[in-house]
Amino acid sequence: MQDCGLHTACDVVAVHDNTPGTAERLAKGSNIGYATESFAELLAYGVDFVAITGALEDRLQQVKLAAEQSVSCIVHAPVAPDLTTARKMHRICEQHGVRLGVYVRGQADPVVEQLRRMIAADWLGGVVAVQSISGCDELLRSGEVTHRGDLFVALASDHVHTTSWLTSRQAVSVTAQTTRSFAPDLDDGGAATVLLRGNIPCSYLTSRLTRVNAFAIHGTDGGVRIAGDRIWLTGQRPFQGHLFDYETPGIEQVLSRRDLHNALAAHRAESELHGRFARWLEDVDDYPCPIEQAVIDFETVDAMTRAALDNRTIQLD
């Protein structure tokens, strides 16, 4: 594995896309040495691991082919179209002794990594509530969506992974409902309430009619909200972090990512997940969302879907 700038533990040596000409154009524009329309040929090129970002319905077969060639996989969230498929992917990788990790956008963010450390240090007291709002307006703008499958799988998965990572708590019950206001055959809005161990309520709002990504965690003595370029923080004690310091307890501090530009640049490689996955394969780093954790989180997302369909509360073990 080589140093290649941001990916300090790996290098991109080959690219694959089923669409004729797409992989070749990407390779030429990025100085990647090999391009192919065949996933099998990509594996045969001799890669150490593959990053899978394409259609959800293709991922089980791709992971199976990779595992049979002893190639580990990092799969961008959502990991699969449904819980059954995610479990099959887990079993296949276990059988072949390869690793499978899930790329979660929030876990690649140095800001969220510092917040994880702050929460673990009791900076905001005990966690008492989580709020998530996520949306992609492809349906409204073009009449199409990248993932026509389940609404909560497509839009809530990232924040469900982030919640479990930040709180270290599993879900015990889920309620949910969905709406159809734009397309008669497709859910375009949803609301789910998840109760975590310790009676911590979490709300997940999703929409295919607006573009939004906001996340908040509230504690007994403070809280944090992230939306767009801004981060709002209030805590019960000072904290010295690798990106920024929080100095005055009880006072809201508002930060802009532009203000943190230099610090983010200095620490982005440390948090970048493809490089971290490569280090995990070498057993010199951990990985925030291995498939074992991803399946547990997917059980929560799956419960959202079932709760909305059946109009009932789903209890989880």
C-alpha atoms as a PDB file:
ATOM      1  CA  MET A   1       0.000   0.000   0.000  1.00  0.00           C
ATOM      2  CA  GLN A   2       1.283   3.436  -0.930  1.00  0.00           C
ATOM      3  CA  ASP A   3       1.028   7.040   0.165  1.00  0.00           C
ATOM      4  CA  CYS A   4      -1.209   9.004  -2.186  1.00  0.00           C
ATOM      5  CA  GLY A   5      -1.952  12.297  -0.462  1.00  0.00           C
ATOM      6  CA  LEU A   6      -5.278  12.125   1.361  1.00  0.00           C
ATOM      7  CA  HIS A   7      -5.330   8.303   1.217  1.00  0.00           C
ATOM      8  CA  THR A   8      -2.158   7.973   3.273  1.00  0.00           C
ATOM      9  CA  ALA A   9      -2.403   4.185   3.630  1.00  0.00           C
ATOM     10  CA  CYS A  10      -3.564   3.180   0.154  1.00  0.00           C
ATOM     11  CA  ASP A  11      -3.621   4.132  -3.503  1.00  0.00           C
ATOM     12  CA  VAL A  12      -6.384   3.974  -6.120  1.00  0.00           C
ATOM     13  CA  VAL A  13      -4.928   1.715  -8.819  1.00  0.00           C
ATOM     14  CA  ALA A  14      -8.026   0.586 -10.766  1.00  0.00           C
ATOM     15  CA  VAL A  15     -11.630   1.632 -11.364  1.00  0.00           C
ATOM     16  CA  HIS A  16     -14.758  -0.225 -12.506  1.00  0.00           C
ATOM     17  CA  ASP A  17     -18.136   0.887 -13.865  1.00  0.00           C
ATOM     18  CA  ASN A  18     -20.733  -1.080 -15.823  1.00  0.00           C
ATOM     19  CA  THR A  19     -21.638   1.871 -18.033  1.00  0.00           C
ATOM     20  CA  PRO A  20     -19.558   1.824 -21.240  1.00  0.00           C
ATOM     21  CA  GLY A  21     -16.872   4.513 -21.258  1.00  0.00           C
ATOM     22  CA  THR A  22     -17.489   5.762 -17.699  1.00  0.00           C
ATOM     23  CA  ALA A  23     -14.607   3.955 -16.017  1.00  0.00           C
ATOM     24  CA  GLU A  24     -12.212   4.910 -18.797  1.00  0.00           C
ATOM     25  CA  ARG A  25     -13.115   8.609 -18.547  1.00  0.00           C
ATOM     26  CA  LEU A  26     -12.707   8.541 -14.777  1.00  0.00           C
ATOM     27  CA  ALA A  27      -9.345   6.813 -15.028  1.00  0.00           C
ATOM     28  CA  LYS A  28      -8.017   9.332 -17.549  1.00  0.00           C
ATOM     29  CA  GLY A  29      -9.244  12.280 -15.505  1.00  0.00           C
ATOM     30  CA  SER A  30      -7.737  10.929 -12.278  1.00  0.00           C
ATOM     31  CA  ASN A  31      -4.505   9.346 -13.556  1.00  0.00           C
ATOM     32  CA  ILE A  32      -5.701   5.871 -12.513  1.00  0.00           C
ATOM     33  CA  GLY A  33      -3.790   3.155 -14.280  1.00  0.00           C
ATOM     34  CA  TYR A  34      -6.533   0.630 -15.058  1.00  0.00           C
ATOM     35  CA  ALA A  35     -10.233   0.847 -16.018  1.00  0.00           C
ATOM     36  CA  THR A  36     -12.719  -1.906 -16.770  1.00  0.00           C
ATOM     37  CA  GLU A  37     -16.438  -2.527 -17.235  1.00  0.00           C
ATOM     38  CA  SER A  38     -16.076  -5.957 -15.605  1.00  0.00           C
ATOM     39  CA  PHE A  39     -16.021  -6.307 -11.814  1.00  0.00           C
ATOM     40  CA  ALA A  40     -14.359  -9.721 -12.180  1.00  0.00           C
ATOM     41  CA  GLU A  41     -11.553  -8.142 -14.200  1.00  0.00           C
ATOM     42  CA  LEU A  42     -11.105  -5.499 -11.503  1.00  0.00           C
ATOM     43  CA  LEU A  43     -10.591  -8.249  -8.919  1.00  0.00           C
ATOM     44  CA  ALA A  44      -8.197 -10.074 -11.230  1.00  0.00           C
ATOM     45  CA  TYR A  45      -6.043  -6.945 -11.480  1.00  0.00           C
ATOM     46  CA  GLY A  46      -4.623  -7.778  -8.048  1.00  0.00           C
ATOM     47  CA  VAL A  47      -6.183  -5.184  -5.737  1.00  0.00           C
ATOM     48  CA  ASP A  48      -5.878  -5.420  -1.938  1.00  0.00           C
ATOM     49  CA  PHE A  49      -9.468  -4.289  -1.369  1.00  0.00           C
ATOM     50  CA  VAL A  50     -12.350  -2.758  -3.307  1.00  0.00           C
ATOM     51  CA  ALA A  51     -14.590   0.223  -2.528  1.00  0.00           C
ATOM     52  CA  ILE A  52     -18.174  -0.478  -3.627  1.00  0.00           C
ATOM     53  CA  THR A  53     -20.428   2.524  -4.277  1.00  0.00           C
ATOM     54  CA  GLY A  54     -22.828   1.437  -7.017  1.00  0.00           C
ATOM     55  CA  ALA A  55     -26.363   0.073  -7.155  1.00  0.00           C
ATOM     56  CA  LEU A  56     -27.573  -1.593  -3.968  1.00  0.00           C
ATOM     57  CA  GLU A  57     -29.002  -4.560  -5.851  1.00  0.00           C
ATOM     58  CA  ASP A  58     -25.525  -5.428  -7.223  1.00  0.00           C
ATOM     59  CA  ARG A  59     -23.666  -5.429  -3.943  1.00  0.00           C
ATOM     60  CA  LEU A  60     -24.332  -8.938  -2.675  1.00  0.00           C
ATOM     61  CA  GLN A  61     -22.930 -10.478  -5.859  1.00  0.00           C
ATOM     62  CA  GLN A  62     -19.963  -8.079  -5.858  1.00  0.00           C
ATOM     63  CA  VAL A  63     -19.092  -8.852  -2.237  1.00  0.00           C
ATOM     64  CA  LYS A  64     -19.448 -12.587  -2.952  1.00  0.00           C
ATOM     65  CA  LEU A  65     -17.106 -12.398  -5.953  1.00  0.00           C
ATOM     66  CA  ALA A  66     -14.584 -10.348  -3.980  1.00  0.00           C
ATOM     67  CA  ALA A  67     -14.694 -12.658  -0.951  1.00  0.00           C
ATOM     68  CA  GLU A  68     -14.140 -15.704  -3.151  1.00  0.00           C
ATOM     69  CA  GLN A  69     -10.953 -13.986  -4.391  1.00  0.00           C
ATOM     70  CA  SER A  70      -9.896 -13.169  -0.793  1.00  0.00           C
ATOM     71  CA  VAL A  71     -10.452  -9.446  -1.434  1.00  0.00           C
ATOM     72  CA  SER A  72     -11.897  -7.347   1.395  1.00  0.00           C
ATOM     73  CA  CYS A  73     -14.539  -4.702   0.700  1.00  0.00           C
ATOM     74  CA  ILE A  74     -15.483  -1.257   1.953  1.00  0.00           C
ATOM     75  CA  VAL A  75     -19.103  -0.557   1.004  1.00  0.00           C
ATOM     76  CA  HIS A  76     -20.562   2.948   1.070  1.00  0.00           C
ATOM     77  CA  ALA A  77     -23.721   3.307   3.178  1.00  0.00           C
ATOM     78  CA  PRO A  78     -26.368   2.150   2.825  1.00  0.00           C
ATOM     79  CA  VAL A  79     -24.621  -1.194   2.847  1.00  0.00           C
ATOM     80  CA  ALA A  80     -27.433  -3.140   1.158  1.00  0.00           C
ATOM     81  CA  PRO A  81     -31.026  -2.811  -0.073  1.00  0.00           C
ATOM     82  CA  ASP A  82     -32.394  -4.723   2.927  1.00  0.00           C
ATOM     83  CA  LEU A  83     -31.440  -6.417   6.184  1.00  0.00           C
ATOM     84  CA  THR A  84     -31.532  -9.941   4.749  1.00  0.00           C
ATOM     85  CA  THR A  85     -28.957  -9.005   2.110  1.00  0.00           C
ATOM     86  CA  ALA A  86     -26.717  -7.286   4.676  1.00  0.00           C
ATOM     87  CA  ARG A  87     -26.730 -10.447   6.785  1.00  0.00           C
ATOM     88  CA  LYS A  88     -25.846 -12.578   3.761  1.00  0.00           C
ATOM     89  CA  MET A  89     -22.922 -10.288   2.982  1.00  0.00           C
ATOM     90  CA  HIS A  90     -21.728 -10.662   6.569  1.00  0.00           C
ATOM     91  CA  ARG A  91     -21.901 -14.458   6.438  1.00  0.00           C
ATOM     92  CA  ILE A  92     -20.084 -14.637   3.100  1.00  0.00           C
ATOM     93  CA  CYS A  93     -17.181 -12.537   4.383  1.00  0.00           C
ATOM     94  CA  GLU A  94     -16.983 -14.605   7.570  1.00  0.00           C
ATOM     95  CA  GLN A  95     -16.885 -17.827   5.545  1.00  0.00           C
ATOM     96  CA  HIS A  96     -14.025 -16.584   3.371  1.00  0.00           C
ATOM     97  CA  GLY A  97     -12.092 -14.817   6.135  1.00  0.00           C
ATOM     98  CA  VAL A  98     -12.181 -11.335   4.587  1.00  0.00           C
ATOM     99  CA  ARG A  99     -13.200  -8.042   6.139  1.00  0.00           C
ATOM    100  CA  LEU A 100     -16.189  -5.896   5.218  1.00  0.00           C
ATOM    101  CA  GLY A 101     -16.521  -2.321   6.402  1.00  0.00           C
ATOM    102  CA  VAL A 102     -19.150   0.336   5.765  1.00  0.00           C
ATOM    103  CA  TYR A 103     -18.246   3.877   4.715  1.00  0.00           C
ATOM    104  CA  VAL A 104     -20.382   6.311   6.762  1.00  0.00           C
ATOM    105  CA  ARG A 105     -20.016   9.982   5.830  1.00  0.00           C
ATOM    106  CA  GLY A 106     -20.232  11.259   9.392  1.00  0.00           C
ATOM    107  CA  GLN A 107     -17.461   8.944  10.542  1.00  0.00           C
ATOM    108  CA  ALA A 108     -15.155  10.436   7.898  1.00  0.00           C
ATOM    109  CA  ASP A 109     -15.707  13.947   9.289  1.00  0.00           C
ATOM    110  CA  PRO A 110     -12.961  15.177  11.675  1.00  0.00           C
ATOM    111  CA  VAL A 111     -15.550  17.422  13.372  1.00  0.00           C
ATOM    112  CA  VAL A 112     -17.748  14.442  14.243  1.00  0.00           C
ATOM    113  CA  GLU A 113     -14.672  12.525  15.430  1.00  0.00           C
ATOM    114  CA  GLN A 114     -13.878  15.329  17.895  1.00  0.00           C
ATOM    115  CA  LEU A 115     -17.510  15.429  19.033  1.00  0.00           C
ATOM    116  CA  ARG A 116     -17.321  11.683  19.697  1.00  0.00           C
ATOM    117  CA  ARG A 117     -14.347  12.294  21.978  1.00  0.00           C
ATOM    118  CA  MET A 118     -16.135  15.184  23.712  1.00  0.00           C
ATOM    119  CA  ILE A 119     -19.257  13.100  24.363  1.00  0.00           C
ATOM    120  CA  ALA A 120     -17.130  10.229  25.692  1.00  0.00           C
ATOM    121  CA  ALA A 121     -15.463  12.698  28.087  1.00  0.00           C
ATOM    122  CA  ASP A 122     -18.875  13.628  29.579  1.00  0.00           C
ATOM    123  CA  TRP A 123     -18.603  17.111  28.067  1.00  0.00           C
ATOM    124  CA  LEU A 124     -22.375  17.466  27.550  1.00  0.00           C
ATOM    125  CA  GLY A 125     -23.440  15.267  30.469  1.00  0.00           C
ATOM    126  CA  GLY A 126     -25.624  12.269  29.863  1.00  0.00           C
ATOM    127  CA  VAL A 127     -27.103  11.961  26.376  1.00  0.00           C
ATOM    128  CA  VAL A 128     -30.875  12.487  26.523  1.00  0.00           C
ATOM    129  CA  ALA A 129     -32.024  12.999  22.900  1.00  0.00           C
ATOM    130  CA  VAL A 130     -30.895  12.742  19.270  1.00  0.00           C
ATOM    131  CA  GLN A 131     -32.353  14.570  16.250  1.00  0.00           C
ATOM    132  CA  SER A 132     -31.732  13.721  12.603  1.00  0.00           C
ATOM    133  CA  ILE A 133     -33.016  15.376   9.424  1.00  0.00           C
ATOM    134  CA  SER A 134     -31.858  14.039   6.052  1.00  0.00           C
ATOM    135  CA  GLY A 135     -33.124  14.658   2.561  1.00  0.00           C
ATOM    136  CA  CYS A 136     -32.231  14.470  -1.119  1.00  0.00           C
ATOM    137  CA  ASP A 137     -34.414  16.334  -3.626  1.00  0.00           C
ATOM    138  CA  GLU A 138     -33.662  14.246  -6.756  1.00  0.00           C
ATOM    139  CA  LEU A 139     -37.313  13.178  -6.956  1.00  0.00           C
ATOM    140  CA  LEU A 140     -38.573  16.754  -6.921  1.00  0.00           C
ATOM    141  CA  ARG A 141     -35.955  18.103  -9.353  1.00  0.00           C
ATOM    142  CA  SER A 142     -35.787  15.314 -11.911  1.00  0.00           C
ATOM    143  CA  GLY A 143     -38.572  12.889 -11.107  1.00  0.00           C
ATOM    144  CA  GLU A 144     -35.969  10.159 -10.485  1.00  0.00           C
ATOM    145  CA  VAL A 145     -34.045   8.890  -7.477  1.00  0.00           C
ATOM    146  CA  THR A 146     -30.721   7.108  -7.232  1.00  0.00           C
ATOM    147  CA  HIS A 147     -32.138   4.468  -4.894  1.00  0.00           C
ATOM    148  CA  ARG A 148     -35.833   3.752  -5.521  1.00  0.00           C
ATOM    149  CA  GLY A 149     -35.849   1.265  -2.678  1.00  0.00           C
ATOM    150  CA  ASP A 150     -36.838   1.827   0.910  1.00  0.00           C
ATOM    151  CA  LEU A 151     -36.974   5.458   2.057  1.00  0.00           C
ATOM    152  CA  PHE A 152     -35.352   4.877   5.444  1.00  0.00           C
ATOM    153  CA  VAL A 153     -32.598   2.694   3.960  1.00  0.00           C
ATOM    154  CA  ALA A 154     -31.757   5.383   1.411  1.00  0.00           C
ATOM    155  CA  LEU A 155     -31.898   8.419   3.688  1.00  0.00           C
ATOM    156  CA  ALA A 156     -31.651   7.429   7.364  1.00  0.00           C
ATOM    157  CA  SER A 157     -28.851   4.841   7.293  1.00  0.00           C
ATOM    158  CA  ASP A 158     -25.954   7.293   7.627  1.00  0.00           C
ATOM    159  CA  HIS A 159     -27.411   8.995  10.690  1.00  0.00           C
ATOM    160  CA  VAL A 160     -28.405   5.699  12.330  1.00  0.00           C
ATOM    161  CA  HIS A 161     -24.773   4.561  12.038  1.00  0.00           C
ATOM    162  CA  THR A 162     -23.572   7.911  13.382  1.00  0.00           C
ATOM    163  CA  THR A 163     -25.970   7.768  16.338  1.00  0.00           C
ATOM    164  CA  SER A 164     -24.793   4.341  17.486  1.00  0.00           C
ATOM    165  CA  TRP A 165     -21.154   5.410  17.024  1.00  0.00           C
ATOM    166  CA  LEU A 166     -21.565   8.568  19.125  1.00  0.00           C
ATOM    167  CA  THR A 167     -23.793   7.129  21.863  1.00  0.00           C
ATOM    168  CA  SER A 168     -22.591   3.482  22.001  1.00  0.00           C
ATOM    169  CA  ARG A 169     -26.225   2.459  22.564  1.00  0.00           C
ATOM    170  CA  GLN A 170     -28.492   0.095  20.673  1.00  0.00           C
ATOM    171  CA  ALA A 171     -32.154   0.594  19.783  1.00  0.00           C
ATOM    172  CA  VAL A 172     -34.865  -1.159  21.808  1.00  0.00           C
ATOM    173  CA  SER A 173     -38.022   0.019  20.021  1.00  0.00           C
ATOM    174  CA  VAL A 174     -39.044   1.824  16.819  1.00  0.00           C
ATOM    175  CA  THR A 175     -42.181   3.569  15.531  1.00  0.00           C
ATOM    176  CA  ALA A 176     -42.517   5.203  12.100  1.00  0.00           C
ATOM    177  CA  GLN A 177     -44.774   6.519   9.366  1.00  0.00           C
ATOM    178  CA  THR A 178     -44.283   7.566   5.733  1.00  0.00           C
ATOM    179  CA  THR A 179     -45.982   9.903   3.265  1.00  0.00           C
ATOM    180  CA  ARG A 180     -46.615   9.964  -0.495  1.00  0.00           C
ATOM    181  CA  SER A 181     -47.300  13.481  -1.748  1.00  0.00           C
ATOM    182  CA  PHE A 182     -45.376  13.676  -5.031  1.00  0.00           C
ATOM    183  CA  ALA A 183     -45.238  10.228  -6.654  1.00  0.00           C
ATOM    184  CA  PRO A 184     -48.091   7.750  -6.060  1.00  0.00           C
ATOM    185  CA  ASP A 185     -45.799   4.690  -6.058  1.00  0.00           C
ATOM    186  CA  LEU A 186     -42.941   5.996  -3.910  1.00  0.00           C
ATOM    187  CA  ASP A 187     -42.647   7.108  -0.292  1.00  0.00           C
ATOM    188  CA  ASP A 188     -41.213  10.626  -0.319  1.00  0.00           C
ATOM    189  CA  GLY A 189     -41.327  11.535   3.374  1.00  0.00           C
ATOM    190  CA  GLY A 190     -40.899   9.683   6.631  1.00  0.00           C
ATOM    191  CA  ALA A 191     -40.689  10.135  10.385  1.00  0.00           C
ATOM    192  CA  ALA A 192     -39.329   7.544  12.796  1.00  0.00           C
ATOM    193  CA  THR A 193     -38.869   7.565  16.555  1.00  0.00           C
ATOM    194  CA  VAL A 194     -36.231   5.246  17.973  1.00  0.00           C
ATOM    195  CA  LEU A 195     -35.793   4.550  21.665  1.00  0.00           C
ATOM    196  CA  LEU A 196     -32.229   3.659  22.661  1.00  0.00           C
ATOM    197  CA  ARG A 197     -31.178   1.757  25.760  1.00  0.00           C
ATOM    198  CA  GLY A 198     -31.369   4.129  28.716  1.00  0.00           C
ATOM    199  CA  ASN A 199     -34.657   5.641  27.457  1.00  0.00           C
ATOM    200  CA  ILE A 200     -32.963   7.971  24.981  1.00  0.00           C
ATOM    201  CA  PRO A 201     -35.409   9.098  22.258  1.00  0.00           C
ATOM    202  CA  CYS A 202     -34.160   9.710  18.723  1.00  0.00           C
ATOM    203  CA  SER A 203     -36.147  11.311  15.911  1.00  0.00           C
ATOM    204  CA  TYR A 204     -35.345  10.671  12.240  1.00  0.00           C
ATOM    205  CA  LEU A 205     -37.035  12.846   9.618  1.00  0.00           C
ATOM    206  CA  THR A 206     -36.436  11.957   5.966  1.00  0.00           C
ATOM    207  CA  SER A 207     -37.556  13.549   2.703  1.00  0.00           C
ATOM    208  CA  ARG A 208     -37.068  13.034  -1.019  1.00  0.00           C
ATOM    209  CA  LEU A 209     -38.390  16.540  -1.684  1.00  0.00           C
ATOM    210  CA  THR A 210     -35.692  18.702  -0.087  1.00  0.00           C
ATOM    211  CA  ARG A 211     -31.926  18.713   0.296  1.00  0.00           C
ATOM    212  CA  VAL A 212     -30.921  18.779   3.960  1.00  0.00           C
ATOM    213  CA  ASN A 213     -28.433  17.147   6.322  1.00  0.00           C
ATOM    214  CA  ALA A 214     -28.690  18.150   9.976  1.00  0.00           C
ATOM    215  CA  PHE A 215     -27.846  16.252  13.138  1.00  0.00           C
ATOM    216  CA  ALA A 216     -28.006  17.075  16.844  1.00  0.00           C
ATOM    217  CA  ILE A 217     -27.290  15.407  20.177  1.00  0.00           C
ATOM    218  CA  HIS A 218     -28.596  16.874  23.432  1.00  0.00           C
ATOM    219  CA  GLY A 219     -27.324  16.103  26.920  1.00  0.00           C
ATOM    220  CA  THR A 220     -28.224  16.929  30.489  1.00  0.00           C
ATOM    221  CA  ASP A 221     -25.663  19.748  30.511  1.00  0.00           C
ATOM    222  CA  GLY A 222     -25.264  20.792  26.895  1.00  0.00           C
ATOM    223  CA  GLY A 223     -25.587  19.753  23.298  1.00  0.00           C
ATOM    224  CA  VAL A 224     -24.318  20.037  19.759  1.00  0.00           C
ATOM    225  CA  ARG A 225     -25.997  20.691  16.407  1.00  0.00           C
ATOM    226  CA  ILE A 226     -24.444  20.325  12.954  1.00  0.00           C
ATOM    227  CA  ALA A 227     -26.093  21.738   9.832  1.00  0.00           C
ATOM    228  CA  GLY A 228     -24.355  22.806   6.653  1.00  0.00           C
ATOM    229  CA  ASP A 229     -21.297  24.893   7.408  1.00  0.00           C
ATOM    230  CA  ARG A 230     -22.216  25.554  11.042  1.00  0.00           C
ATOM    231  CA  ILE A 231     -21.609  23.795  14.357  1.00  0.00           C
ATOM    232  CA  TRP A 232     -23.341  24.960  17.564  1.00  0.00           C
ATOM    233  CA  LEU A 233     -21.944  23.726  20.893  1.00  0.00           C
ATOM    234  CA  THR A 234     -22.791  24.114  24.571  1.00  0.00           C
ATOM    235  CA  GLY A 235     -21.031  22.026  27.247  1.00  0.00           C
ATOM    236  CA  GLN A 236     -20.552  21.738  30.971  1.00  0.00           C
ATOM    237  CA  ARG A 237     -16.752  21.955  31.001  1.00  0.00           C
ATOM    238  CA  PRO A 238     -13.851  23.257  28.901  1.00  0.00           C
ATOM    239  CA  PHE A 239     -12.435  20.910  26.289  1.00  0.00           C
ATOM    240  CA  GLN A 240      -9.193  21.083  24.340  1.00  0.00           C
ATOM    241  CA  GLY A 241      -9.575  19.293  21.027  1.00  0.00           C
ATOM    242  CA  HIS A 242      -7.461  18.486  18.004  1.00  0.00           C
ATOM    243  CA  LEU A 243      -9.647  20.761  15.815  1.00  0.00           C
ATOM    244  CA  PHE A 244     -10.930  23.425  18.188  1.00  0.00           C
ATOM    245  CA  ASP A 245     -11.212  24.300  21.879  1.00  0.00           C
ATOM    246  CA  TYR A 246     -14.369  24.888  23.877  1.00  0.00           C
ATOM    247  CA  GLU A 247     -13.435  27.339  26.624  1.00  0.00           C
ATOM    248  CA  THR A 248     -16.481  28.737  28.458  1.00  0.00           C
ATOM    249  CA  PRO A 249     -18.882  26.225  30.068  1.00  0.00           C
ATOM    250  CA  GLY A 250     -22.582  26.951  29.590  1.00  0.00           C
ATOM    251  CA  ILE A 251     -22.040  29.425  26.745  1.00  0.00           C
ATOM    252  CA  GLU A 252     -23.052  28.518  23.206  1.00  0.00           C
ATOM    253  CA  GLN A 253     -20.131  28.523  20.806  1.00  0.00           C
ATOM    254  CA  VAL A 254     -20.834  28.795  17.067  1.00  0.00           C
ATOM    255  CA  LEU A 255     -18.207  27.609  14.608  1.00  0.00           C
ATOM    256  CA  SER A 256     -17.941  27.681  10.847  1.00  0.00           C
ATOM    257  CA  ARG A 257     -16.129  24.988   8.907  1.00  0.00           C
ATOM    258  CA  ARG A 258     -14.441  27.809   7.025  1.00  0.00           C
ATOM    259  CA  ASP A 259     -12.968  28.957  10.325  1.00  0.00           C
ATOM    260  CA  LEU A 260     -11.600  25.437  10.826  1.00  0.00           C
ATOM    261  CA  HIS A 261     -10.189  25.085   7.330  1.00  0.00           C
ATOM    262  CA  ASN A 262      -6.533  24.653   8.318  1.00  0.00           C
ATOM    263  CA  ALA A 263      -7.269  22.281  11.202  1.00  0.00           C
ATOM    264  CA  LEU A 264      -9.593  20.190   9.040  1.00  0.00           C
ATOM    265  CA  ALA A 265      -6.973  19.951   6.316  1.00  0.00           C
ATOM    266  CA  ALA A 266      -4.380  18.810   8.843  1.00  0.00           C
ATOM    267  CA  HIS A 267      -6.572  16.021  10.261  1.00  0.00           C
ATOM    268  CA  ARG A 268      -8.654  14.939   7.255  1.00  0.00           C
ATOM    269  CA  ALA A 269      -6.275  12.129   6.263  1.00  0.00           C
ATOM    270  CA  GLU A 270      -6.468  10.677   9.777  1.00  0.00           C
ATOM    271  CA  SER A 271     -10.274  10.429   9.543  1.00  0.00           C
ATOM    272  CA  GLU A 272     -10.493   9.496   5.836  1.00  0.00           C
ATOM    273  CA  LEU A 273     -12.140   6.079   5.810  1.00  0.00           C
ATOM    274  CA  HIS A 274     -10.555   4.376   2.798  1.00  0.00           C
ATOM    275  CA  GLY A 275      -7.132   4.933   4.319  1.00  0.00           C
ATOM    276  CA  ARG A 276      -8.401   3.920   7.742  1.00  0.00           C
ATOM    277  CA  PHE A 277      -9.858   0.739   6.237  1.00  0.00           C
ATOM    278  CA  ALA A 278      -6.469  -0.040   4.705  1.00  0.00           C
ATOM    279  CA  ARG A 279      -4.809   0.431   8.096  1.00  0.00           C
ATOM    280  CA  TRP A 280      -7.457  -1.819   9.660  1.00  0.00           C
ATOM    281  CA  LEU A 281      -6.563  -4.558   7.195  1.00  0.00           C
ATOM    282  CA  GLU A 282      -2.961  -4.198   8.383  1.00  0.00           C
ATOM    283  CA  ASP A 283      -4.145  -4.344  12.049  1.00  0.00           C
ATOM    284  CA  VAL A 284      -2.624  -0.948  12.837  1.00  0.00           C
ATOM    285  CA  ASP A 285      -5.947   0.905  13.298  1.00  0.00           C
ATOM    286  CA  ASP A 286      -9.558   0.150  14.175  1.00  0.00           C
ATOM    287  CA  TYR A 287     -12.546   0.811  11.911  1.00  0.00           C
ATOM    288  CA  PRO A 288     -15.692   2.611  13.117  1.00  0.00           C
ATOM    289  CA  CYS A 289     -18.302   0.562  11.216  1.00  0.00           C
ATOM    290  CA  PRO A 290     -17.372  -3.057  10.534  1.00  0.00           C
ATOM    291  CA  ILE A 291     -20.123  -5.218   9.070  1.00  0.00           C
ATOM    292  CA  GLU A 292     -20.963  -6.641  12.504  1.00  0.00           C
ATOM    293  CA  GLN A 293     -21.975  -3.174  13.730  1.00  0.00           C
ATOM    294  CA  ALA A 294     -23.542  -2.290  10.392  1.00  0.00           C
ATOM    295  CA  VAL A 295     -25.944  -5.245  10.653  1.00  0.00           C
ATOM    296  CA  ILE A 296     -26.976  -4.200  14.164  1.00  0.00           C
ATOM    297  CA  ASP A 297     -27.632  -0.672  12.899  1.00  0.00           C
ATOM    298  CA  PHE A 298     -29.515  -2.025   9.871  1.00  0.00           C
ATOM    299  CA  GLU A 299     -31.872  -3.830  12.236  1.00  0.00           C
ATOM    300  CA  THR A 300     -32.958  -0.374  13.405  1.00  0.00           C
ATOM    301  CA  VAL A 301     -33.474   0.876   9.841  1.00  0.00           C
ATOM    302  CA  ASP A 302     -35.369  -2.297   8.932  1.00  0.00           C
ATOM    303  CA  ALA A 303     -37.592  -1.798  11.983  1.00  0.00           C
ATOM    304  CA  MET A 304     -38.432   1.714  10.734  1.00  0.00           C
ATOM    305  CA  THR A 305     -39.711   0.229   7.477  1.00  0.00           C
ATOM    306  CA  ARG A 306     -41.721  -2.495   9.199  1.00  0.00           C
ATOM    307  CA  ALA A 307     -43.162  -0.069  11.741  1.00  0.00           C
ATOM    308  CA  ALA A 308     -44.358   2.267   8.984  1.00  0.00           C
ATOM    309  CA  LEU A 309     -45.886  -0.595   6.981  1.00  0.00           C
ATOM    310  CA  ASP A 310     -47.684  -2.178   9.937  1.00  0.00           C
ATOM    311  CA  ASN A 311     -48.462   1.015  11.878  1.00  0.00           C
ATOM    312  CA  ARG A 312     -47.111  -0.465  15.080  1.00  0.00           C
ATOM    313  CA  THR A 313     -44.164  -0.276  17.453  1.00  0.00           C
ATOM    314  CA  ILE A 314     -41.358  -2.731  16.695  1.00  0.00           C
ATOM    315  CA  GLN A 315     -39.485  -4.131  19.697  1.00  0.00           C
ATOM    316  CA  LEU A 316     -35.826  -5.014  19.186  1.00  0.00           C
ATOM    317  CA  ASP A 317     -33.725  -7.426  21.253  1.00  0.00           C
END
